[in-house]
């Protein structure tokens, strides 16, 4: 019975360590998220929704994307526009041309 009980104790310790590590990881990610401002989060969301596969990227797309993010950083765009209303390239380029 002795080896069996020591194995159970070891196993419990490993599980405890694993859970603690996961908790610390989650907490650090949450803290990092809290440090970002609302504007940064919205910018990131727009850029990530615009990104196609890396193989298909062209320099024009990069230029337009940079222009769009810079404009977004300067202007106050509403959250709804960022959510997906203006998330295709044609409307963003029109919007930038008119601005």
PDB file of N, CA and C in Angstrom:
ATOM      1  N   UNK A   1       0.820  -1.208   0.000  1.00  0.00           N
ATOM      2  CA  UNK A   1       0.000   0.000   0.000  1.00  0.00           C
ATOM      3  C   UNK A   1       0.863   1.271   0.000  1.00  0.00           C
ATOM      4  N   UNK A   2       2.077   1.178   0.503  1.00  0.00           N
ATOM      5  CA  UNK A   2       2.930   2.369   0.626  1.00  0.00           C
ATOM      6  C   UNK A   2       3.253   3.029  -0.726  1.00  0.00           C
ATOM      7  N   UNK A   3       3.703   2.251  -1.731  1.00  0.00           N
ATOM      8  CA  UNK A   3       4.043   2.899  -2.993  1.00  0.00           C
ATOM      9  C   UNK A   3       2.821   3.559  -3.651  1.00  0.00           C
ATOM     10  N   UNK A   4       1.659   2.919  -3.488  1.00  0.00           N
ATOM     11  CA  UNK A   4       0.442   3.419  -4.101  1.00  0.00           C
ATOM     12  C   UNK A   4       0.059   4.797  -3.530  1.00  0.00           C
ATOM     13  N   UNK A   5       0.127   4.937  -2.214  1.00  0.00           N
ATOM     14  CA  UNK A   5      -0.258   6.200  -1.585  1.00  0.00           C
ATOM     15  C   UNK A   5       0.721   7.325  -1.952  1.00  0.00           C
ATOM     16  N   UNK A   6       2.014   6.987  -2.037  1.00  0.00           N
ATOM     17  CA  UNK A   6       2.993   8.015  -2.410  1.00  0.00           C
ATOM     18  C   UNK A   6       2.759   8.467  -3.852  1.00  0.00           C
ATOM     19  N   UNK A   7       2.358   7.530  -4.714  1.00  0.00           N
ATOM     20  CA  UNK A   7       2.048   7.886  -6.102  1.00  0.00           C
ATOM     21  C   UNK A   7       0.857   8.847  -6.155  1.00  0.00           C
ATOM     22  N   UNK A   8      -0.150   8.568  -5.322  1.00  0.00           N
ATOM     23  CA  UNK A   8      -1.329   9.442  -5.300  1.00  0.00           C
ATOM     24  C   UNK A   8      -0.968  10.860  -4.847  1.00  0.00           C
ATOM     25  N   UNK A   9      -0.091  10.944  -3.842  1.00  0.00           N
ATOM     26  CA  UNK A   9       0.342  12.261  -3.341  1.00  0.00           C
ATOM     27  C   UNK A   9       1.083  13.016  -4.450  1.00  0.00           C
ATOM     28  N   UNK A  10       1.987  12.324  -5.130  1.00  0.00           N
ATOM     29  CA  UNK A  10       2.759  12.935  -6.221  1.00  0.00           C
ATOM     30  C   UNK A  10       1.833  13.430  -7.327  1.00  0.00           C
ATOM     31  N   UNK A  11       0.867  12.585  -7.658  1.00  0.00           N
ATOM     32  CA  UNK A  11      -0.085  12.923  -8.713  1.00  0.00           C
ATOM     33  C   UNK A  11      -0.888  14.166  -8.331  1.00  0.00           C
ATOM     34  N   UNK A  12      -1.307  14.230  -7.076  1.00  0.00           N
ATOM     35  CA  UNK A  12      -2.073  15.381  -6.601  1.00  0.00           C
ATOM     36  C   UNK A  12      -1.230  16.651  -6.685  1.00  0.00           C
ATOM     37  N   UNK A  13       0.054  16.536  -6.326  1.00  0.00           N
ATOM     38  CA  UNK A  13       0.946  17.692  -6.409  1.00  0.00           C
ATOM     39  C   UNK A  13       1.083  18.178  -7.854  1.00  0.00           C
ATOM     40  N   UNK A  14       1.227  17.238  -8.770  1.00  0.00           N
ATOM     41  CA  UNK A  14       1.377  17.609 -10.186  1.00  0.00           C
ATOM     42  C   UNK A  14       0.125  18.320 -10.699  1.00  0.00           C
ATOM     43  N   UNK A  15      -1.034  17.787 -10.294  1.00  0.00           N
ATOM     44  CA  UNK A  15      -2.296  18.403 -10.729  1.00  0.00           C
ATOM     45  C   UNK A  15      -2.403  19.808 -10.164  1.00  0.00           C
ATOM     46  N   UNK A  16      -2.036  19.966  -8.888  1.00  0.00           N
ATOM     47  CA  UNK A  16      -2.094  21.278  -8.253  1.00  0.00           C
ATOM     48  C   UNK A  16      -1.182  22.268  -8.964  1.00  0.00           C
ATOM     49  N   UNK A  17       0.025  21.823  -9.288  1.00  0.00           N
ATOM     50  CA  UNK A  17       0.980  22.684  -9.997  1.00  0.00           C
ATOM     51  C   UNK A  17       0.434  23.120 -11.359  1.00  0.00           C
ATOM     52  N   UNK A  18      -0.126  22.149 -12.076  1.00  0.00           N
ATOM     53  CA  UNK A  18      -0.671  22.425 -13.407  1.00  0.00           C
ATOM     54  C   UNK A  18      -1.787  23.465 -13.318  1.00  0.00           C
ATOM     55  N   UNK A  19      -2.700  23.273 -12.371  1.00  0.00           N
ATOM     56  CA  UNK A  19      -3.818  24.212 -12.227  1.00  0.00           C
ATOM     57  C   UNK A  19      -3.335  25.603 -11.846  1.00  0.00           C
ATOM     58  N   UNK A  20      -2.353  25.667 -10.998  1.00  0.00           N
ATOM     59  CA  UNK A  20      -1.795  26.950 -10.561  1.00  0.00           C
ATOM     60  C   UNK A  20      -1.158  27.685 -11.751  1.00  0.00           C
ATOM     61  N   UNK A  21      -0.404  26.910 -12.551  1.00  0.00           N
ATOM     62  CA  UNK A  21       0.241  27.493 -13.734  1.00  0.00           C
ATOM     63  C   UNK A  21      -0.798  28.071 -14.700  1.00  0.00           C
ATOM     64  N   UNK A  22      -1.862  27.282 -14.910  1.00  0.00           N
ATOM     65  CA  UNK A  22      -2.908  27.736 -15.828  1.00  0.00           C
ATOM     66  C   UNK A  22      -3.554  29.025 -15.305  1.00  0.00           C
ATOM     67  N   UNK A  23      -3.787  29.072 -13.998  1.00  0.00           N
ATOM     68  CA  UNK A  23      -4.411  30.254 -13.387  1.00  0.00           C
ATOM     69  C   UNK A  23      -3.515  31.473 -13.556  1.00  0.00           C
ATOM     70  N   UNK A  24      -2.217  31.293 -13.302  1.00  0.00           N
ATOM     71  CA  UNK A  24      -1.270  32.417 -13.441  1.00  0.00           C
ATOM     72  C   UNK A  24      -1.242  32.917 -14.875  1.00  0.00           C
ATOM     73  N   UNK A  25      -1.269  31.983 -15.831  1.00  0.00           N
ATOM     74  CA  UNK A  25      -1.222  32.346 -17.239  1.00  0.00           C
ATOM     75  C   UNK A  25      -2.453  33.166 -17.621  1.00  0.00           C
ATOM     76  N   UNK A  26      -3.614  32.690 -17.166  1.00  0.00           N
ATOM     77  CA  UNK A  26      -4.860  33.390 -17.459  1.00  0.00           C
ATOM     78  C   UNK A  26      -4.847  34.796 -16.864  1.00  0.00           C
ATOM     79  N   UNK A  27      -4.369  34.886 -15.634  1.00  0.00           N
ATOM     80  CA  UNK A  27      -4.361  36.170 -14.944  1.00  0.00           C
ATOM     81  C   UNK A  27      -3.431  37.162 -15.648  1.00  0.00           C
ATOM     82  N   UNK A  28      -2.257  36.680 -16.073  1.00  0.00           N
ATOM     83  CA  UNK A  28      -1.313  37.580 -16.741  1.00  0.00           C
ATOM     84  C   UNK A  28      -1.883  38.050 -18.080  1.00  0.00           C
ATOM     85  N   UNK A  29      -2.565  37.159 -18.798  1.00  0.00           N
ATOM     86  CA  UNK A  29      -3.184  37.548 -20.061  1.00  0.00           C
ATOM     87  C   UNK A  29      -4.271  38.593 -19.824  1.00  0.00           C
ATOM     88  N   UNK A  30      -5.023  38.400 -18.751  1.00  0.00           N
ATOM     89  CA  UNK A  30      -6.095  39.344 -18.419  1.00  0.00           C
ATOM     90  C   UNK A  30      -5.512  40.721 -18.097  1.00  0.00           C
ATOM     91  N   UNK A  31      -4.417  40.723 -17.328  1.00  0.00           N
ATOM     92  CA  UNK A  31      -3.777  41.991 -16.974  1.00  0.00           C
ATOM     93  C   UNK A  31      -3.257  42.707 -18.216  1.00  0.00           C
ATOM     94  N   UNK A  32      -2.669  41.935 -19.123  1.00  0.00           N
ATOM     95  CA  UNK A  32      -2.171  42.525 -20.364  1.00  0.00           C
ATOM     96  C   UNK A  32      -3.313  43.151 -21.153  1.00  0.00           C
ATOM     97  N   UNK A  33      -4.453  42.459 -21.177  1.00  0.00           N
ATOM     98  CA  UNK A  33      -5.623  42.968 -21.883  1.00  0.00           C
ATOM     99  C   UNK A  33      -6.136  44.246 -21.260  1.00  0.00           C
ATOM    100  N   UNK A  34      -6.047  44.345 -19.946  1.00  0.00           N
ATOM    101  CA  UNK A  34      -6.546  45.521 -19.250  1.00  0.00           C
ATOM    102  C   UNK A  34      -5.681  46.745 -19.538  1.00  0.00           C
ATOM    103  N   UNK A  35      -4.407  46.512 -19.851  1.00  0.00           N
ATOM    104  CA  UNK A  35      -3.494  47.623 -20.073  1.00  0.00           C
ATOM    105  C   UNK A  35      -3.750  48.320 -21.411  1.00  0.00           C
ATOM    106  N   UNK A  36      -4.335  47.588 -22.361  1.00  0.00           N
ATOM    107  CA  UNK A  36      -4.578  48.197 -23.666  1.00  0.00           C
ATOM    108  C   UNK A  36      -5.767  49.150 -23.596  1.00  0.00           C
ATOM    109  N   UNK A  37      -5.675  50.256 -24.326  1.00  0.00           N
ATOM    110  CA  UNK A  37      -6.772  51.217 -24.324  1.00  0.00           C
ATOM    111  C   UNK A  37      -7.859  50.745 -25.278  1.00  0.00           C
ATOM    112  N   UNK A  38      -9.023  51.373 -25.157  1.00  0.00           N
ATOM    113  CA  UNK A  38     -10.165  50.995 -25.987  1.00  0.00           C
ATOM    114  C   UNK A  38      -9.852  51.192 -27.469  1.00  0.00           C
ATOM    115  N   UNK A  39      -9.171  52.299 -27.778  1.00  0.00           N
ATOM    116  CA  UNK A  39      -8.846  52.612 -29.175  1.00  0.00           C
ATOM    117  C   UNK A  39      -7.915  51.558 -29.769  1.00  0.00           C
ATOM    118  N   UNK A  40      -6.940  51.126 -28.964  1.00  0.00           N
ATOM    119  CA  UNK A  40      -6.012  50.093 -29.435  1.00  0.00           C
ATOM    120  C   UNK A  40      -6.746  48.790 -29.722  1.00  0.00           C
ATOM    121  N   UNK A  41      -7.673  48.445 -28.839  1.00  0.00           N
ATOM    122  CA  UNK A  41      -8.420  47.197 -29.018  1.00  0.00           C
ATOM    123  C   UNK A  41      -9.253  47.265 -30.291  1.00  0.00           C
ATOM    124  N   UNK A  42      -9.919  48.400 -30.510  1.00  0.00           N
ATOM    125  CA  UNK A  42     -10.742  48.549 -31.706  1.00  0.00           C
ATOM    126  C   UNK A  42      -9.888  48.524 -32.970  1.00  0.00           C
ATOM    127  N   UNK A  43      -8.741  49.214 -32.935  1.00  0.00           N
ATOM    128  CA  UNK A  43      -7.816  49.202 -34.073  1.00  0.00           C
ATOM    129  C   UNK A  43      -7.375  47.792 -34.383  1.00  0.00           C
ATOM    130  N   UNK A  44      -6.989  47.065 -33.329  1.00  0.00           N
ATOM    131  CA  UNK A  44      -6.511  45.699 -33.501  1.00  0.00           C
ATOM    132  C   UNK A  44      -7.603  44.833 -34.114  1.00  0.00           C
ATOM    133  N   UNK A  45      -8.847  45.031 -33.645  1.00  0.00           N
ATOM    134  CA  UNK A  45      -9.961  44.219 -34.138  1.00  0.00           C
ATOM    135  C   UNK A  45     -10.192  44.492 -35.619  1.00  0.00           C
ATOM    136  N   UNK A  46     -10.104  45.755 -36.012  1.00  0.00           N
ATOM    137  CA  UNK A  46     -10.314  46.098 -37.410  1.00  0.00           C
ATOM    138  C   UNK A  46      -9.213  45.503 -38.281  1.00  0.00           C
ATOM    139  N   UNK A  47      -7.982  45.655 -37.843  1.00  0.00           N
ATOM    140  CA  UNK A  47      -6.846  45.178 -38.623  1.00  0.00           C
ATOM    141  C   UNK A  47      -6.899  43.661 -38.751  1.00  0.00           C
ATOM    142  N   UNK A  48      -7.226  42.968 -37.653  1.00  0.00           N
ATOM    143  CA  UNK A  48      -7.261  41.506 -37.702  1.00  0.00           C
ATOM    144  C   UNK A  48      -8.411  41.027 -38.581  1.00  0.00           C
ATOM    145  N   UNK A  49      -9.517  41.805 -38.655  1.00  0.00           N
ATOM    146  CA  UNK A  49     -10.621  41.383 -39.513  1.00  0.00           C
ATOM    147  C   UNK A  49     -10.291  41.648 -40.984  1.00  0.00           C
ATOM    148  N   UNK A  50      -9.400  42.620 -41.235  1.00  0.00           N
ATOM    149  CA  UNK A  50      -9.034  42.928 -42.612  1.00  0.00           C
ATOM    150  C   UNK A  50      -7.967  41.992 -43.176  1.00  0.00           C
ATOM    151  N   UNK A  51      -7.204  41.371 -42.303  1.00  0.00           N
ATOM    152  CA  UNK A  51      -6.043  40.611 -42.776  1.00  0.00           C
ATOM    153  C   UNK A  51      -6.435  39.365 -43.559  1.00  0.00           C
ATOM    154  N   UNK A  52      -6.005  39.249 -44.809  1.00  0.00           N
ATOM    155  CA  UNK A  52      -6.175  37.993 -45.531  1.00  0.00           C
ATOM    156  C   UNK A  52      -4.996  37.060 -45.229  1.00  0.00           C
ATOM    157  N   UNK A  53      -4.921  35.979 -45.950  1.00  0.00           N
ATOM    158  CA  UNK A  53      -3.802  35.060 -45.762  1.00  0.00           C
ATOM    159  C   UNK A  53      -2.506  35.763 -46.153  1.00  0.00           C
ATOM    160  N   UNK A  54      -1.408  35.540 -45.393  1.00  0.00           N
ATOM    161  CA  UNK A  54      -0.140  36.238 -45.675  1.00  0.00           C
ATOM    162  C   UNK A  54       0.366  36.079 -47.108  1.00  0.00           C
ATOM    163  N   UNK A  55       0.074  34.936 -47.729  1.00  0.00           N
ATOM    164  CA  UNK A  55       0.552  34.705 -49.097  1.00  0.00           C
ATOM    165  C   UNK A  55      -0.101  35.669 -50.083  1.00  0.00           C
ATOM    166  N   UNK A  56      -1.304  36.135 -49.758  1.00  0.00           N
ATOM    167  CA  UNK A  56      -2.061  36.956 -50.705  1.00  0.00           C
ATOM    168  C   UNK A  56      -1.837  38.452 -50.503  1.00  0.00           C
ATOM    169  N   UNK A  57      -0.988  38.809 -49.560  1.00  0.00           N
ATOM    170  CA  UNK A  57      -0.791  40.234 -49.275  1.00  0.00           C
ATOM    171  C   UNK A  57      -0.018  40.926 -50.388  1.00  0.00           C
ATOM    172  N   UNK A  58      -0.461  42.111 -50.726  1.00  0.00           N
ATOM    173  CA  UNK A  58       0.279  42.920 -51.695  1.00  0.00           C
ATOM    174  C   UNK A  58       0.719  44.202 -51.024  1.00  0.00           C
ATOM    175  N   UNK A  59       1.649  44.892 -51.642  1.00  0.00           N
ATOM    176  CA  UNK A  59       2.148  46.130 -51.023  1.00  0.00           C
ATOM    177  C   UNK A  59       1.052  47.192 -50.973  1.00  0.00           C
ATOM    178  N   UNK A  60       0.199  47.219 -51.988  1.00  0.00           N
ATOM    179  CA  UNK A  60      -0.908  48.184 -51.988  1.00  0.00           C
ATOM    180  C   UNK A  60      -1.824  47.954 -50.798  1.00  0.00           C
ATOM    181  N   UNK A  61      -2.081  46.684 -50.546  1.00  0.00           N
ATOM    182  CA  UNK A  61      -2.944  46.347 -49.407  1.00  0.00           C
ATOM    183  C   UNK A  61      -2.305  46.837 -48.113  1.00  0.00           C
ATOM    184  N   UNK A  62      -0.986  46.609 -47.984  1.00  0.00           N
ATOM    185  CA  UNK A  62      -0.274  47.067 -46.787  1.00  0.00           C
ATOM    186  C   UNK A  62      -0.379  48.580 -46.629  1.00  0.00           C
ATOM    187  N   UNK A  63      -0.184  49.305 -47.757  1.00  0.00           N
ATOM    188  CA  UNK A  63      -0.262  50.764 -47.713  1.00  0.00           C
ATOM    189  C   UNK A  63      -1.645  51.218 -47.271  1.00  0.00           C
ATOM    190  N   UNK A  64      -2.662  50.584 -47.858  1.00  0.00           N
ATOM    191  CA  UNK A  64      -4.041  50.956 -47.526  1.00  0.00           C
ATOM    192  C   UNK A  64      -4.350  50.637 -46.068  1.00  0.00           C
ATOM    193  N   UNK A  65      -3.851  49.503 -45.620  1.00  0.00           N
ATOM    194  CA  UNK A  65      -4.080  49.092 -44.233  1.00  0.00           C
ATOM    195  C   UNK A  65      -3.430  50.075 -43.261  1.00  0.00           C
ATOM    196  N   UNK A  66      -2.190  50.481 -43.567  1.00  0.00           N
ATOM    197  CA  UNK A  66      -1.508  51.459 -42.714  1.00  0.00           C
ATOM    198  C   UNK A  66      -2.245  52.797 -42.706  1.00  0.00           C
ATOM    199  N   UNK A  67      -2.685  53.203 -43.882  1.00  0.00           N
ATOM    200  CA  UNK A  67      -3.426  54.456 -43.999  1.00  0.00           C
ATOM    201  C   UNK A  67      -4.714  54.395 -43.178  1.00  0.00           C
ATOM    202  N   UNK A  68      -5.400  53.256 -43.286  1.00  0.00           N
ATOM    203  CA  UNK A  68      -6.658  53.085 -42.559  1.00  0.00           C
ATOM    204  C   UNK A  68      -6.422  53.119 -41.053  1.00  0.00           C
ATOM    205  N   UNK A  69      -5.404  52.415 -40.580  1.00  0.00           N
ATOM    206  CA  UNK A  69      -5.160  52.379 -39.133  1.00  0.00           C
ATOM    207  C   UNK A  69      -4.713  53.737 -38.618  1.00  0.00           C
ATOM    208  N   UNK A  70      -3.906  54.469 -39.398  1.00  0.00           N
ATOM    209  CA  UNK A  70      -3.496  55.815 -38.984  1.00  0.00           C
ATOM    210  C   UNK A  70      -4.686  56.754 -38.904  1.00  0.00           C
ATOM    211  N   UNK A  71      -5.564  56.646 -39.909  1.00  0.00           N
ATOM    212  CA  UNK A  71      -6.748  57.494 -39.913  1.00  0.00           C
ATOM    213  C   UNK A  71      -7.635  57.156 -38.725  1.00  0.00           C
ATOM    214  N   UNK A  72      -7.765  55.861 -38.463  1.00  0.00           N
ATOM    215  CA  UNK A  72      -8.587  55.430 -37.325  1.00  0.00           C
ATOM    216  C   UNK A  72      -8.008  55.946 -36.016  1.00  0.00           C
ATOM    217  N   UNK A  73      -6.698  55.968 -35.938  1.00  0.00           N
ATOM    218  CA  UNK A  73      -6.060  56.444 -34.708  1.00  0.00           C
ATOM    219  C   UNK A  73      -6.331  57.938 -34.512  1.00  0.00           C
ATOM    220  N   UNK A  74      -6.418  58.681 -35.634  1.00  0.00           N
ATOM    221  CA  UNK A  74      -6.638  60.121 -35.534  1.00  0.00           C
ATOM    222  C   UNK A  74      -8.120  60.477 -35.362  1.00  0.00           C
ATOM    223  N   UNK A  75      -8.981  59.764 -36.070  1.00  0.00           N
ATOM    224  CA  UNK A  75     -10.409  60.071 -36.032  1.00  0.00           C
ATOM    225  C   UNK A  75     -11.114  59.262 -34.957  1.00  0.00           C
ATOM    226  N   UNK A  76     -12.279  59.727 -34.593  1.00  0.00           N
ATOM    227  CA  UNK A  76     -13.114  58.954 -33.674  1.00  0.00           C
ATOM    228  C   UNK A  76     -14.146  58.195 -34.510  1.00  0.00           C
ATOM    229  N   UNK A  77     -13.875  56.932 -34.782  1.00  0.00           N
ATOM    230  CA  UNK A  77     -14.842  56.114 -35.499  1.00  0.00           C
ATOM    231  C   UNK A  77     -15.702  55.398 -34.488  1.00  0.00           C
ATOM    232  N   UNK A  78     -16.955  55.194 -34.834  1.00  0.00           N
ATOM    233  CA  UNK A  78     -17.843  54.525 -33.880  1.00  0.00           C
ATOM    234  C   UNK A  78     -17.550  53.026 -33.847  1.00  0.00           C
ATOM    235  N   UNK A  79     -17.940  52.405 -32.758  1.00  0.00           N
ATOM    236  CA  UNK A  79     -17.655  50.979 -32.585  1.00  0.00           C
ATOM    237  C   UNK A  79     -18.369  50.142 -33.637  1.00  0.00           C
ATOM    238  N   UNK A  80     -19.571  50.568 -34.043  1.00  0.00           N
ATOM    239  CA  UNK A  80     -20.340  49.784 -35.003  1.00  0.00           C
ATOM    240  C   UNK A  80     -19.654  49.750 -36.368  1.00  0.00           C
ATOM    241  N   UNK A  81     -19.094  50.874 -36.765  1.00  0.00           N
ATOM    242  CA  UNK A  81     -18.362  50.916 -38.031  1.00  0.00           C
ATOM    243  C   UNK A  81     -17.178  49.971 -37.977  1.00  0.00           C
ATOM    244  N   UNK A  82     -16.506  49.948 -36.810  1.00  0.00           N
ATOM    245  CA  UNK A  82     -15.339  49.093 -36.676  1.00  0.00           C
ATOM    246  C   UNK A  82     -15.719  47.622 -36.611  1.00  0.00           C
ATOM    247  N   UNK A  83     -16.901  47.345 -36.076  1.00  0.00           N
ATOM    248  CA  UNK A  83     -17.300  45.952 -35.866  1.00  0.00           C
ATOM    249  C   UNK A  83     -17.407  45.162 -37.160  1.00  0.00           C
ATOM    250  N   UNK A  84     -17.629  45.813 -38.283  1.00  0.00           N
ATOM    251  CA  UNK A  84     -17.731  45.022 -39.500  1.00  0.00           C
ATOM    252  C   UNK A  84     -18.465  45.769 -40.582  1.00  0.00           C
ATOM    253  N   UNK A  85     -19.033  46.925 -40.216  1.00  0.00           N
ATOM    254  CA  UNK A  85     -19.785  47.704 -41.183  1.00  0.00           C
ATOM    255  C   UNK A  85     -18.854  48.221 -42.270  1.00  0.00           C
ATOM    256  N   UNK A  86     -17.677  48.707 -41.863  1.00  0.00           N
ATOM    257  CA  UNK A  86     -16.718  49.253 -42.819  1.00  0.00           C
ATOM    258  C   UNK A  86     -15.488  48.368 -42.927  1.00  0.00           C
ATOM    259  N   UNK A  87     -15.674  47.077 -42.759  1.00  0.00           N
ATOM    260  CA  UNK A  87     -14.514  46.207 -42.702  1.00  0.00           C
ATOM    261  C   UNK A  87     -14.068  45.678 -44.057  1.00  0.00           C
ATOM    262  N   UNK A  88     -14.734  46.025 -45.150  1.00  0.00           N
ATOM    263  CA  UNK A  88     -14.134  45.595 -46.408  1.00  0.00           C
ATOM    264  C   UNK A  88     -13.357  46.745 -47.023  1.00  0.00           C
ATOM    265  N   UNK A  89     -12.397  46.400 -47.827  1.00  0.00           N
ATOM    266  CA  UNK A  89     -11.414  47.383 -48.297  1.00  0.00           C
ATOM    267  C   UNK A  89     -12.011  48.489 -49.148  1.00  0.00           C
ATOM    268  N   UNK A  90     -13.004  48.148 -49.965  1.00  0.00           N
ATOM    269  CA  UNK A  90     -13.565  49.153 -50.872  1.00  0.00           C
ATOM    270  C   UNK A  90     -14.179  50.291 -50.075  1.00  0.00           C
ATOM    271  N   UNK A  91     -14.983  49.950 -49.068  1.00  0.00           N
ATOM    272  CA  UNK A  91     -15.646  51.022 -48.313  1.00  0.00           C
ATOM    273  C   UNK A  91     -14.642  51.815 -47.503  1.00  0.00           C
ATOM    274  N   UNK A  92     -13.607  51.149 -46.997  1.00  0.00           N
ATOM    275  CA  UNK A  92     -12.585  51.887 -46.244  1.00  0.00           C
ATOM    276  C   UNK A  92     -11.851  52.857 -47.165  1.00  0.00           C
ATOM    277  N   UNK A  93     -11.511  52.404 -48.365  1.00  0.00           N
ATOM    278  CA  UNK A  93     -10.794  53.300 -49.278  1.00  0.00           C
ATOM    279  C   UNK A  93     -11.690  54.472 -49.697  1.00  0.00           C
ATOM    280  N   UNK A  94     -12.994  54.208 -49.903  1.00  0.00           N
ATOM    281  CA  UNK A  94     -13.927  55.305 -50.218  1.00  0.00           C
ATOM    282  C   UNK A  94     -13.987  56.289 -49.067  1.00  0.00           C
ATOM    283  N   UNK A  95     -14.092  55.739 -47.889  1.00  0.00           N
ATOM    284  CA  UNK A  95     -14.208  56.574 -46.688  1.00  0.00           C
ATOM    285  C   UNK A  95     -12.954  57.454 -46.517  1.00  0.00           C
ATOM    286  N   UNK A  96     -11.788  56.850 -46.782  1.00  0.00           N
ATOM    287  CA  UNK A  96     -10.543  57.612 -46.655  1.00  0.00           C
ATOM    288  C   UNK A  96     -10.432  58.669 -47.751  1.00  0.00           C
ATOM    289  N   UNK A  97     -10.928  58.343 -48.939  1.00  0.00           N
ATOM    290  CA  UNK A  97     -10.873  59.297 -50.043  1.00  0.00           C
ATOM    291  C   UNK A  97     -11.762  60.505 -49.750  1.00  0.00           C
ATOM    292  N   UNK A  98     -12.910  60.253 -49.117  1.00  0.00           N
ATOM    293  CA  UNK A  98     -13.849  61.339 -48.815  1.00  0.00           C
ATOM    294  C   UNK A  98     -13.433  62.156 -47.600  1.00  0.00           C
ATOM    295  N   UNK A  99     -12.636  61.556 -46.724  1.00  0.00           N
ATOM    296  CA  UNK A  99     -12.278  62.249 -45.468  1.00  0.00           C
ATOM    297  C   UNK A  99     -11.327  63.412 -45.713  1.00  0.00           C
TER     298      UNK A  99
END
